[in-house]
PDB file of all heavy atoms in Angstrom:
ATOM      1  N   ASN A   1       2.321  -8.373   4.683  1.00  0.00           N
ATOM      2  CA  ASN A   1       3.670  -8.512   4.139  1.00  0.00           C
ATOM      3  C   ASN A   1       4.445  -7.193   4.076  1.00  0.00           C
ATOM      4  O   ASN A   1       5.678  -7.198   4.085  1.00  0.00           O
ATOM      5  CB  ASN A   1       3.611  -9.127   2.744  1.00  0.00           C
ATOM      6  CG  ASN A   1       3.206 -10.589   2.763  1.00  0.00           C
ATOM      7  OD1 ASN A   1       3.398 -11.280   3.760  1.00  0.00           O
ATOM      8  ND2 ASN A   1       2.626 -11.061   1.667  1.00  0.00           N
ATOM      9  N   ILE A   2       3.731  -6.056   3.997  1.00  0.00           N
ATOM     10  CA  ILE A   2       4.438  -4.778   3.828  1.00  0.00           C
ATOM     11  C   ILE A   2       4.302  -3.839   5.021  1.00  0.00           C
ATOM     12  O   ILE A   2       5.085  -2.891   5.147  1.00  0.00           O
ATOM     13  CB  ILE A   2       3.966  -4.039   2.556  1.00  0.00           C
ATOM     14  CG1 ILE A   2       2.505  -3.607   2.686  1.00  0.00           C
ATOM     15  CG2 ILE A   2       4.178  -4.877   1.313  1.00  0.00           C
ATOM     16  CD1 ILE A   2       2.078  -2.626   1.601  1.00  0.00           C
ATOM     17  N   ALA A   3       3.332  -4.057   5.900  1.00  0.00           N
ATOM     18  CA  ALA A   3       3.060  -3.102   6.976  1.00  0.00           C
ATOM     19  C   ALA A   3       4.168  -3.095   8.017  1.00  0.00           C
ATOM     20  O   ALA A   3       4.688  -4.142   8.404  1.00  0.00           O
ATOM     21  CB  ALA A   3       1.725  -3.435   7.634  1.00  0.00           C
ATOM     22  N   HIS A   4       4.536  -1.892   8.465  1.00  0.00           N
ATOM     23  CA  HIS A   4       5.458  -1.800   9.595  1.00  0.00           C
ATOM     24  C   HIS A   4       4.661  -1.643  10.883  1.00  0.00           C
ATOM     25  O   HIS A   4       3.443  -1.423  10.852  1.00  0.00           O
ATOM     26  CB  HIS A   4       6.477  -0.674   9.407  1.00  0.00           C
ATOM     27  CG  HIS A   4       5.893   0.675   9.121  1.00  0.00           C
ATOM     28  ND1 HIS A   4       5.184   1.412  10.060  1.00  0.00           N
ATOM     29  CD2 HIS A   4       5.916   1.439   7.986  1.00  0.00           C
ATOM     30  CE1 HIS A   4       4.820   2.570   9.533  1.00  0.00           C
ATOM     31  NE2 HIS A   4       5.235   2.600   8.271  1.00  0.00           N
ATOM     32  N   LYS A   5       5.303  -1.757  12.010  1.00  0.00           N
ATOM     33  CA  LYS A   5       4.633  -1.763  13.313  1.00  0.00           C
ATOM     34  C   LYS A   5       3.759  -0.516  13.491  1.00  0.00           C
ATOM     35  O   LYS A   5       4.190   0.604  13.226  1.00  0.00           O
ATOM     36  CB  LYS A   5       5.661  -1.834  14.439  1.00  0.00           C
ATOM     37  CG  LYS A   5       5.041  -2.038  15.828  1.00  0.00           C
ATOM     38  CD  LYS A   5       6.118  -2.183  16.872  1.00  0.00           C
ATOM     39  CE  LYS A   5       5.517  -2.471  18.249  1.00  0.00           C
ATOM     40  NZ  LYS A   5       4.687  -1.371  18.750  1.00  0.00           N
ATOM     41  N   ASP A   6       2.524  -0.752  13.908  1.00  0.00           N
ATOM     42  CA  ASP A   6       1.524   0.286  14.202  1.00  0.00           C
ATOM     43  C   ASP A   6       1.006   1.015  12.960  1.00  0.00           C
ATOM     44  O   ASP A   6       0.201   1.943  13.078  1.00  0.00           O
ATOM     45  CB  ASP A   6       2.054   1.322  15.203  1.00  0.00           C
ATOM     46  CG  ASP A   6       2.301   0.716  16.577  1.00  0.00           C
ATOM     47  OD1 ASP A   6       1.613  -0.264  16.925  1.00  0.00           O
ATOM     48  OD2 ASP A   6       3.184   1.222  17.300  1.00  0.00           O
ATOM     49  N   GLN A   7       1.453   0.614  11.757  1.00  0.00           N
ATOM     50  CA  GLN A   7       0.917   1.220  10.543  1.00  0.00           C
ATOM     51  C   GLN A   7      -0.514   0.745  10.333  1.00  0.00           C
ATOM     52  O   GLN A   7      -0.824  -0.430  10.522  1.00  0.00           O
ATOM     53  CB  GLN A   7       1.775   0.848   9.342  1.00  0.00           C
ATOM     54  CG  GLN A   7       1.432   1.611   8.065  1.00  0.00           C
ATOM     55  CD  GLN A   7       2.373   1.262   6.921  1.00  0.00           C
ATOM     56  OE1 GLN A   7       2.882   0.148   6.839  1.00  0.00           O
ATOM     57  NE2 GLN A   7       2.624   2.221   6.031  1.00  0.00           N
ATOM     58  N   VAL A   8      -1.392   1.666   9.928  1.00  0.00           N
ATOM     59  CA  VAL A   8      -2.811   1.366   9.769  1.00  0.00           C
ATOM     60  C   VAL A   8      -3.206   1.489   8.300  1.00  0.00           C
ATOM     61  O   VAL A   8      -2.953   2.517   7.670  1.00  0.00           O
ATOM     62  CB  VAL A   8      -3.686   2.307  10.626  1.00  0.00           C
ATOM     63  CG1 VAL A   8      -5.165   1.960  10.470  1.00  0.00           C
ATOM     64  CG2 VAL A   8      -3.269   2.238  12.095  1.00  0.00           C
ATOM     65  N   PHE A   9      -3.821   0.446   7.762  1.00  0.00           N
ATOM     66  CA  PHE A   9      -4.372   0.461   6.412  1.00  0.00           C
ATOM     67  C   PHE A   9      -5.899   0.502   6.531  1.00  0.00           C
ATOM     68  O   PHE A   9      -6.487  -0.343   7.220  1.00  0.00           O
ATOM     69  CB  PHE A   9      -3.951  -0.777   5.627  1.00  0.00           C
ATOM     70  CG  PHE A   9      -2.515  -0.751   5.178  1.00  0.00           C
ATOM     71  CD1 PHE A   9      -1.488  -0.993   6.080  1.00  0.00           C
ATOM     72  CD2 PHE A   9      -2.189  -0.457   3.861  1.00  0.00           C
ATOM     73  CE1 PHE A   9      -0.164  -0.963   5.675  1.00  0.00           C
ATOM     74  CE2 PHE A   9      -0.856  -0.430   3.449  1.00  0.00           C
ATOM     75  CZ  PHE A   9       0.155  -0.674   4.350  1.00  0.00           C
ATOM     76  N   ILE A  10      -6.511   1.472   5.872  1.00  0.00           N
ATOM     77  CA  ILE A  10      -7.963   1.663   5.976  1.00  0.00           C
ATOM     78  C   ILE A  10      -8.575   1.526   4.586  1.00  0.00           C
ATOM     79  O   ILE A  10      -8.263   2.293   3.673  1.00  0.00           O
ATOM     80  CB  ILE A  10      -8.296   3.032   6.577  1.00  0.00           C
ATOM     81  CG1 ILE A  10      -7.664   3.150   7.974  1.00  0.00           C
ATOM     82  CG2 ILE A  10      -9.813   3.228   6.661  1.00  0.00           C
ATOM     83  CD1 ILE A  10      -7.666   4.538   8.533  1.00  0.00           C
ATOM     84  N   ILE A  11      -9.441   0.534   4.440  1.00  0.00           N
ATOM     85  CA  ILE A  11     -10.059   0.226   3.158  1.00  0.00           C
ATOM     86  C   ILE A  11     -11.505   0.708   3.163  1.00  0.00           C
ATOM     87  O   ILE A  11     -12.328   0.252   3.965  1.00  0.00           O
ATOM     88  CB  ILE A  11     -10.006  -1.284   2.875  1.00  0.00           C
ATOM     89  CG1 ILE A  11      -8.546  -1.758   2.870  1.00  0.00           C
ATOM     90  CG2 ILE A  11     -10.690  -1.618   1.555  1.00  0.00           C
ATOM     91  CD1 ILE A  11      -8.385  -3.251   2.808  1.00  0.00           C
ATOM     92  N   ARG A  12     -11.817   1.636   2.278  1.00  0.00           N
ATOM     93  CA  ARG A  12     -13.193   2.123   2.133  1.00  0.00           C
ATOM     94  C   ARG A  12     -13.925   1.250   1.121  1.00  0.00           C
ATOM     95  O   ARG A  12     -13.421   1.015   0.034  1.00  0.00           O
ATOM     96  CB  ARG A  12     -13.195   3.584   1.668  1.00  0.00           C
ATOM     97  CG  ARG A  12     -12.421   4.537   2.589  1.00  0.00           C
ATOM     98  CD  ARG A  12     -12.539   5.967   2.102  1.00  0.00           C
ATOM     99  NE  ARG A  12     -12.038   6.116   0.740  1.00  0.00           N
ATOM    100  CZ  ARG A  12     -10.893   6.691   0.420  1.00  0.00           C
ATOM    101  NH1 ARG A  12     -10.108   7.182   1.345  1.00  0.00           N
ATOM    102  NH2 ARG A  12     -10.518   6.790  -0.848  1.00  0.00           N
ATOM    103  N   ASP A  13     -15.128   0.814   1.501  1.00  0.00           N
ATOM    104  CA  ASP A  13     -15.873  -0.088   0.617  1.00  0.00           C
ATOM    105  C   ASP A  13     -17.326   0.346   0.481  1.00  0.00           C
ATOM    106  O   ASP A  13     -18.246  -0.457   0.571  1.00  0.00           O
ATOM    107  CB  ASP A  13     -15.778  -1.531   1.145  1.00  0.00           C
ATOM    108  CG  ASP A  13     -16.261  -2.556   0.125  1.00  0.00           C
ATOM    109  OD1 ASP A  13     -16.304  -2.224  -1.078  1.00  0.00           O
ATOM    110  OD2 ASP A  13     -16.613  -3.680   0.535  1.00  0.00           O
ATOM    111  N   GLY A  14     -17.529   1.649   0.278  1.00  0.00           N
ATOM    112  CA  GLY A  14     -18.856   2.191  -0.010  1.00  0.00           C
ATOM    113  C   GLY A  14     -19.914   1.774   0.990  1.00  0.00           C
ATOM    114  O   GLY A  14     -19.739   1.920   2.210  1.00  0.00           O
ATOM    115  N   PRO A  15     -21.030   1.210   0.500  1.00  0.00           N
ATOM    116  CA  PRO A  15     -22.139   0.829   1.388  1.00  0.00           C
ATOM    117  C   PRO A  15     -21.786  -0.300   2.357  1.00  0.00           C
ATOM    118  O   PRO A  15     -22.531  -0.555   3.307  1.00  0.00           O
ATOM    119  CB  PRO A  15     -23.232   0.394   0.415  1.00  0.00           C
ATOM    120  CG  PRO A  15     -22.514   0.033  -0.851  1.00  0.00           C
ATOM    121  CD  PRO A  15     -21.352   0.964  -0.915  1.00  0.00           C
ATOM    122  N   ASN A  16     -20.649  -0.962   2.126  1.00  0.00           N
ATOM    123  CA  ASN A  16     -20.211  -2.024   3.044  1.00  0.00           C
ATOM    124  C   ASN A  16     -19.390  -1.492   4.216  1.00  0.00           C
ATOM    125  O   ASN A  16     -18.946  -2.265   5.062  1.00  0.00           O
ATOM    126  CB  ASN A  16     -19.385  -3.064   2.282  1.00  0.00           C
ATOM    127  CG  ASN A  16     -20.195  -3.770   1.217  1.00  0.00           C
ATOM    128  OD1 ASN A  16     -21.339  -4.156   1.451  1.00  0.00           O
ATOM    129  ND2 ASN A  16     -19.617  -3.917   0.033  1.00  0.00           N
ATOM    130  N   GLY A  17     -19.176  -0.183   4.255  1.00  0.00           N
ATOM    131  CA  GLY A  17     -18.447   0.407   5.364  1.00  0.00           C
ATOM    132  C   GLY A  17     -16.950   0.416   5.135  1.00  0.00           C
ATOM    133  O   GLY A  17     -16.475   0.522   4.003  1.00  0.00           O
ATOM    134  N   SER A  18     -16.198   0.283   6.197  1.00  0.00           N
ATOM    135  CA  SER A  18     -14.739   0.331   6.105  1.00  0.00           C
ATOM    136  C   SER A  18     -14.109  -0.808   6.891  1.00  0.00           C
ATOM    137  O   SER A  18     -14.702  -1.339   7.838  1.00  0.00           O
ATOM    138  CB  SER A  18     -14.213   1.675   6.623  1.00  0.00           C
ATOM    139  OG  SER A  18     -14.530   1.834   7.994  1.00  0.00           O
ATOM    140  N   PHE A  19     -12.882  -1.163   6.479  1.00  0.00           N
ATOM    141  CA  PHE A  19     -12.120  -2.222   7.122  1.00  0.00           C
ATOM    142  C   PHE A  19     -10.723  -1.674   7.399  1.00  0.00           C
ATOM    143  O   PHE A  19     -10.077  -1.144   6.497  1.00  0.00           O
ATOM    144  CB  PHE A  19     -12.015  -3.447   6.208  1.00  0.00           C
ATOM    145  CG  PHE A  19     -13.347  -3.934   5.717  1.00  0.00           C
ATOM    146  CD1 PHE A  19     -13.960  -3.334   4.622  1.00  0.00           C
ATOM    147  CD2 PHE A  19     -13.990  -4.981   6.344  1.00  0.00           C
ATOM    148  CE1 PHE A  19     -15.198  -3.774   4.166  1.00  0.00           C
ATOM    149  CE2 PHE A  19     -15.215  -5.439   5.894  1.00  0.00           C
ATOM    150  CZ  PHE A  19     -15.824  -4.834   4.797  1.00  0.00           C
ATOM    151  N   ALA A  20     -10.257  -1.782   8.629  1.00  0.00           N
ATOM    152  CA  ALA A  20      -8.935  -1.288   8.981  1.00  0.00           C
ATOM    153  C   ALA A  20      -8.083  -2.428   9.519  1.00  0.00           C
ATOM    154  O   ALA A  20      -8.588  -3.335  10.198  1.00  0.00           O
ATOM    155  CB  ALA A  20      -9.042  -0.167  10.010  1.00  0.00           C
ATOM    156  N   TYR A  21      -6.794  -2.377   9.192  1.00  0.00           N
ATOM    157  CA  TYR A  21      -5.849  -3.397   9.652  1.00  0.00           C
ATOM    158  C   TYR A  21      -4.689  -2.709  10.365  1.00  0.00           C
ATOM    159  O   TYR A  21      -4.080  -1.783   9.831  1.00  0.00           O
ATOM    160  CB  TYR A  21      -5.319  -4.216   8.468  1.00  0.00           C
ATOM    161  CG  TYR A  21      -6.403  -4.966   7.737  1.00  0.00           C
ATOM    162  CD1 TYR A  21      -6.990  -4.431   6.592  1.00  0.00           C
ATOM    163  CD2 TYR A  21      -6.861  -6.194   8.203  1.00  0.00           C
ATOM    164  CE1 TYR A  21      -7.996  -5.112   5.917  1.00  0.00           C
ATOM    165  CE2 TYR A  21      -7.866  -6.884   7.534  1.00  0.00           C
ATOM    166  CZ  TYR A  21      -8.426  -6.343   6.399  1.00  0.00           C
ATOM    167  OH  TYR A  21      -9.429  -7.013   5.741  1.00  0.00           O
ATOM    168  N   LYS A  22      -4.400  -3.178  11.582  1.00  0.00           N
ATOM    169  CA  LYS A  22      -3.285  -2.663  12.363  1.00  0.00           C
ATOM    170  C   LYS A  22      -2.691  -3.801  13.182  1.00  0.00           C
ATOM    171  O   LYS A  22      -3.405  -4.449  13.964  1.00  0.00           O
ATOM    172  CB  LYS A  22      -3.743  -1.529  13.288  1.00  0.00           C
ATOM    173  CG  LYS A  22      -2.625  -0.973  14.170  1.00  0.00           C
ATOM    174  CD  LYS A  22      -3.142   0.090  15.122  1.00  0.00           C
ATOM    175  CE  LYS A  22      -2.015   0.613  16.006  1.00  0.00           C
ATOM    176  NZ  LYS A  22      -2.501   1.631  16.974  1.00  0.00           N
ATOM    177  N   ASN A  23      -1.402  -4.042  13.005  1.00  0.00           N
ATOM    178  CA  ASN A  23      -0.709  -5.087  13.771  1.00  0.00           C
ATOM    179  C   ASN A  23      -1.465  -6.418  13.742  1.00  0.00           C
ATOM    180  O   ASN A  23      -1.675  -7.072  14.769  1.00  0.00           O
ATOM    181  CB  ASN A  23      -0.495  -4.639  15.217  1.00  0.00           C
ATOM    182  CG  ASN A  23       0.417  -3.424  15.319  1.00  0.00           C
ATOM    183  OD1 ASN A  23       1.252  -3.186  14.435  1.00  0.00           O
ATOM    184  ND2 ASN A  23       0.268  -2.648  16.380  1.00  0.00           N
ATOM    185  N   ASN A  24      -1.913  -6.802  12.530  1.00  0.00           N
ATOM    186  CA  ASN A  24      -2.613  -8.081  12.291  1.00  0.00           C
ATOM    187  C   ASN A  24      -4.009  -8.144  12.914  1.00  0.00           C
ATOM    188  O   ASN A  24      -4.635  -9.204  12.941  1.00  0.00           O
ATOM    189  CB  ASN A  24      -1.789  -9.272  12.792  1.00  0.00           C
ATOM    190  CG  ASN A  24      -0.490  -9.420  12.031  1.00  0.00           C
ATOM    191  OD1 ASN A  24      -0.428  -9.177  10.829  1.00  0.00           O
ATOM    192  ND2 ASN A  24       0.572  -9.807  12.730  1.00  0.00           N
ATOM    193  N   LEU A  25      -4.509  -7.022  13.409  1.00  0.00           N
ATOM    194  CA  LEU A  25      -5.881  -6.970  13.911  1.00  0.00           C
ATOM    195  C   LEU A  25      -6.765  -6.287  12.881  1.00  0.00           C
ATOM    196  O   LEU A  25      -6.325  -5.373  12.172  1.00  0.00           O
ATOM    197  CB  LEU A  25      -5.947  -6.206  15.234  1.00  0.00           C
ATOM    198  CG  LEU A  25      -5.210  -6.820  16.424  1.00  0.00           C
ATOM    199  CD1 LEU A  25      -5.311  -5.891  17.640  1.00  0.00           C
ATOM    200  CD2 LEU A  25      -5.770  -8.199  16.771  1.00  0.00           C
ATOM    201  N   GLU A  26      -8.022  -6.717  12.793  1.00  0.00           N
ATOM    202  CA  GLU A  26      -8.962  -6.157  11.832  1.00  0.00           C
ATOM    203  C   GLU A  26     -10.071  -5.410  12.561  1.00  0.00           C
ATOM    204  O   GLU A  26     -10.610  -5.890  13.559  1.00  0.00           O
ATOM    205  CB  GLU A  26      -9.569  -7.275  10.975  1.00  0.00           C
ATOM    206  CG  GLU A  26     -10.525  -6.773   9.892  1.00  0.00           C
ATOM    207  CD  GLU A  26     -11.054  -7.898   9.020  1.00  0.00           C
ATOM    208  OE1 GLU A  26     -10.951  -9.075   9.442  1.00  0.00           O
ATOM    209  OE2 GLU A  26     -11.563  -7.608   7.940  1.00  0.00           O
ATOM    210  N   TYR A  27     -10.410  -4.234  12.061  1.00  0.00           N
ATOM    211  CA  TYR A  27     -11.476  -3.410  12.618  1.00  0.00           C
ATOM    212  C   TYR A  27     -12.512  -3.190  11.516  1.00  0.00           C
ATOM    213  O   TYR A  27     -12.199  -2.594  10.480  1.00  0.00           O
ATOM    214  CB  TYR A  27     -10.940  -2.067  13.103  1.00  0.00           C
ATOM    215  CG  TYR A  27      -9.860  -2.170  14.156  1.00  0.00           C
ATOM    216  CD1 TYR A  27      -8.531  -2.429  13.789  1.00  0.00           C
ATOM    217  CD2 TYR A  27     -10.148  -2.005  15.504  1.00  0.00           C
ATOM    218  CE1 TYR A  27      -7.523  -2.529  14.744  1.00  0.00           C
ATOM    219  CE2 TYR A  27      -9.146  -2.095  16.470  1.00  0.00           C
ATOM    220  CZ  TYR A  27      -7.839  -2.353  16.083  1.00  0.00           C
ATOM    221  OH  TYR A  27      -6.853  -2.450  17.026  1.00  0.00           O
ATOM    222  N   ILE A  28     -13.727  -3.648  11.741  1.00  0.00           N
ATOM    223  CA  ILE A  28     -14.794  -3.520  10.743  1.00  0.00           C
ATOM    224  C   ILE A  28     -15.800  -2.491  11.244  1.00  0.00           C
ATOM    225  O   ILE A  28     -16.322  -2.606  12.365  1.00  0.00           O
ATOM    226  CB  ILE A  28     -15.491  -4.866  10.504  1.00  0.00           C
ATOM    227  CG1 ILE A  28     -14.472  -5.903  10.000  1.00  0.00           C
ATOM    228  CG2 ILE A  28     -16.633  -4.713   9.496  1.00  0.00           C
ATOM    229  CD1 ILE A  28     -15.025  -7.304   9.890  1.00  0.00           C
ATOM    230  N   THR A  29     -16.076  -1.492  10.423  1.00  0.00           N
ATOM    231  CA  THR A  29     -17.011  -0.435  10.798  1.00  0.00           C
ATOM    232  C   THR A  29     -18.102  -0.342   9.732  1.00  0.00           C
ATOM    233  O   THR A  29     -17.817  -0.010   8.579  1.00  0.00           O
ATOM    234  CB  THR A  29     -16.296   0.923  10.905  1.00  0.00           C
ATOM    235  OG1 THR A  29     -15.142   0.783  11.745  1.00  0.00           O
ATOM    236  CG2 THR A  29     -17.220   1.968  11.510  1.00  0.00           C
ATOM    237  N   PRO A  30     -19.357  -0.642  10.079  1.00  0.00           N
ATOM    238  CA  PRO A  30     -20.428  -0.606   9.076  1.00  0.00           C
ATOM    239  C   PRO A  30     -20.738   0.815   8.619  1.00  0.00           C
ATOM    240  O   PRO A  30     -20.545   1.778   9.365  1.00  0.00           O
ATOM    241  CB  PRO A  30     -21.618  -1.221   9.823  1.00  0.00           C
ATOM    242  CG  PRO A  30     -21.327  -0.990  11.271  1.00  0.00           C
ATOM    243  CD  PRO A  30     -19.840  -1.066  11.400  1.00  0.00           C
ATOM    244  N   ALA A  31     -21.198   0.929   7.387  1.00  0.00           N
ATOM    245  CA  ALA A  31     -21.608   2.233   6.859  1.00  0.00           C
ATOM    246  C   ALA A  31     -22.962   2.617   7.425  1.00  0.00           C
ATOM    247  O   ALA A  31     -23.719   1.774   7.913  1.00  0.00           O
ATOM    248  CB  ALA A  31     -21.673   2.176   5.331  1.00  0.00           C
ATOM    249  N   ILE A  32     -23.264   3.905   7.364  1.00  0.00           N
ATOM    250  CA  ILE A  32     -24.580   4.396   7.755  1.00  0.00           C
ATOM    251  C   ILE A  32     -25.506   4.282   6.548  1.00  0.00           C
ATOM    252  O   ILE A  32     -25.159   4.720   5.446  1.00  0.00           O
ATOM    253  CB  ILE A  32     -24.486   5.852   8.244  1.00  0.00           C
ATOM    254  CG1 ILE A  32     -23.599   5.912   9.495  1.00  0.00           C
ATOM    255  CG2 ILE A  32     -25.874   6.421   8.543  1.00  0.00           C
ATOM    256  CD1 ILE A  32     -23.284   7.310   9.962  1.00  0.00           C
TER     257      ILE A  32
END
């Protein structure tokens, strides 16, 4: 609802890794 074009939101979630959102796409990266 608030993101503008190509803006990236990156959510850090500790041992669950990180989640990024860009242009309605989701990128999930596991933690080490």
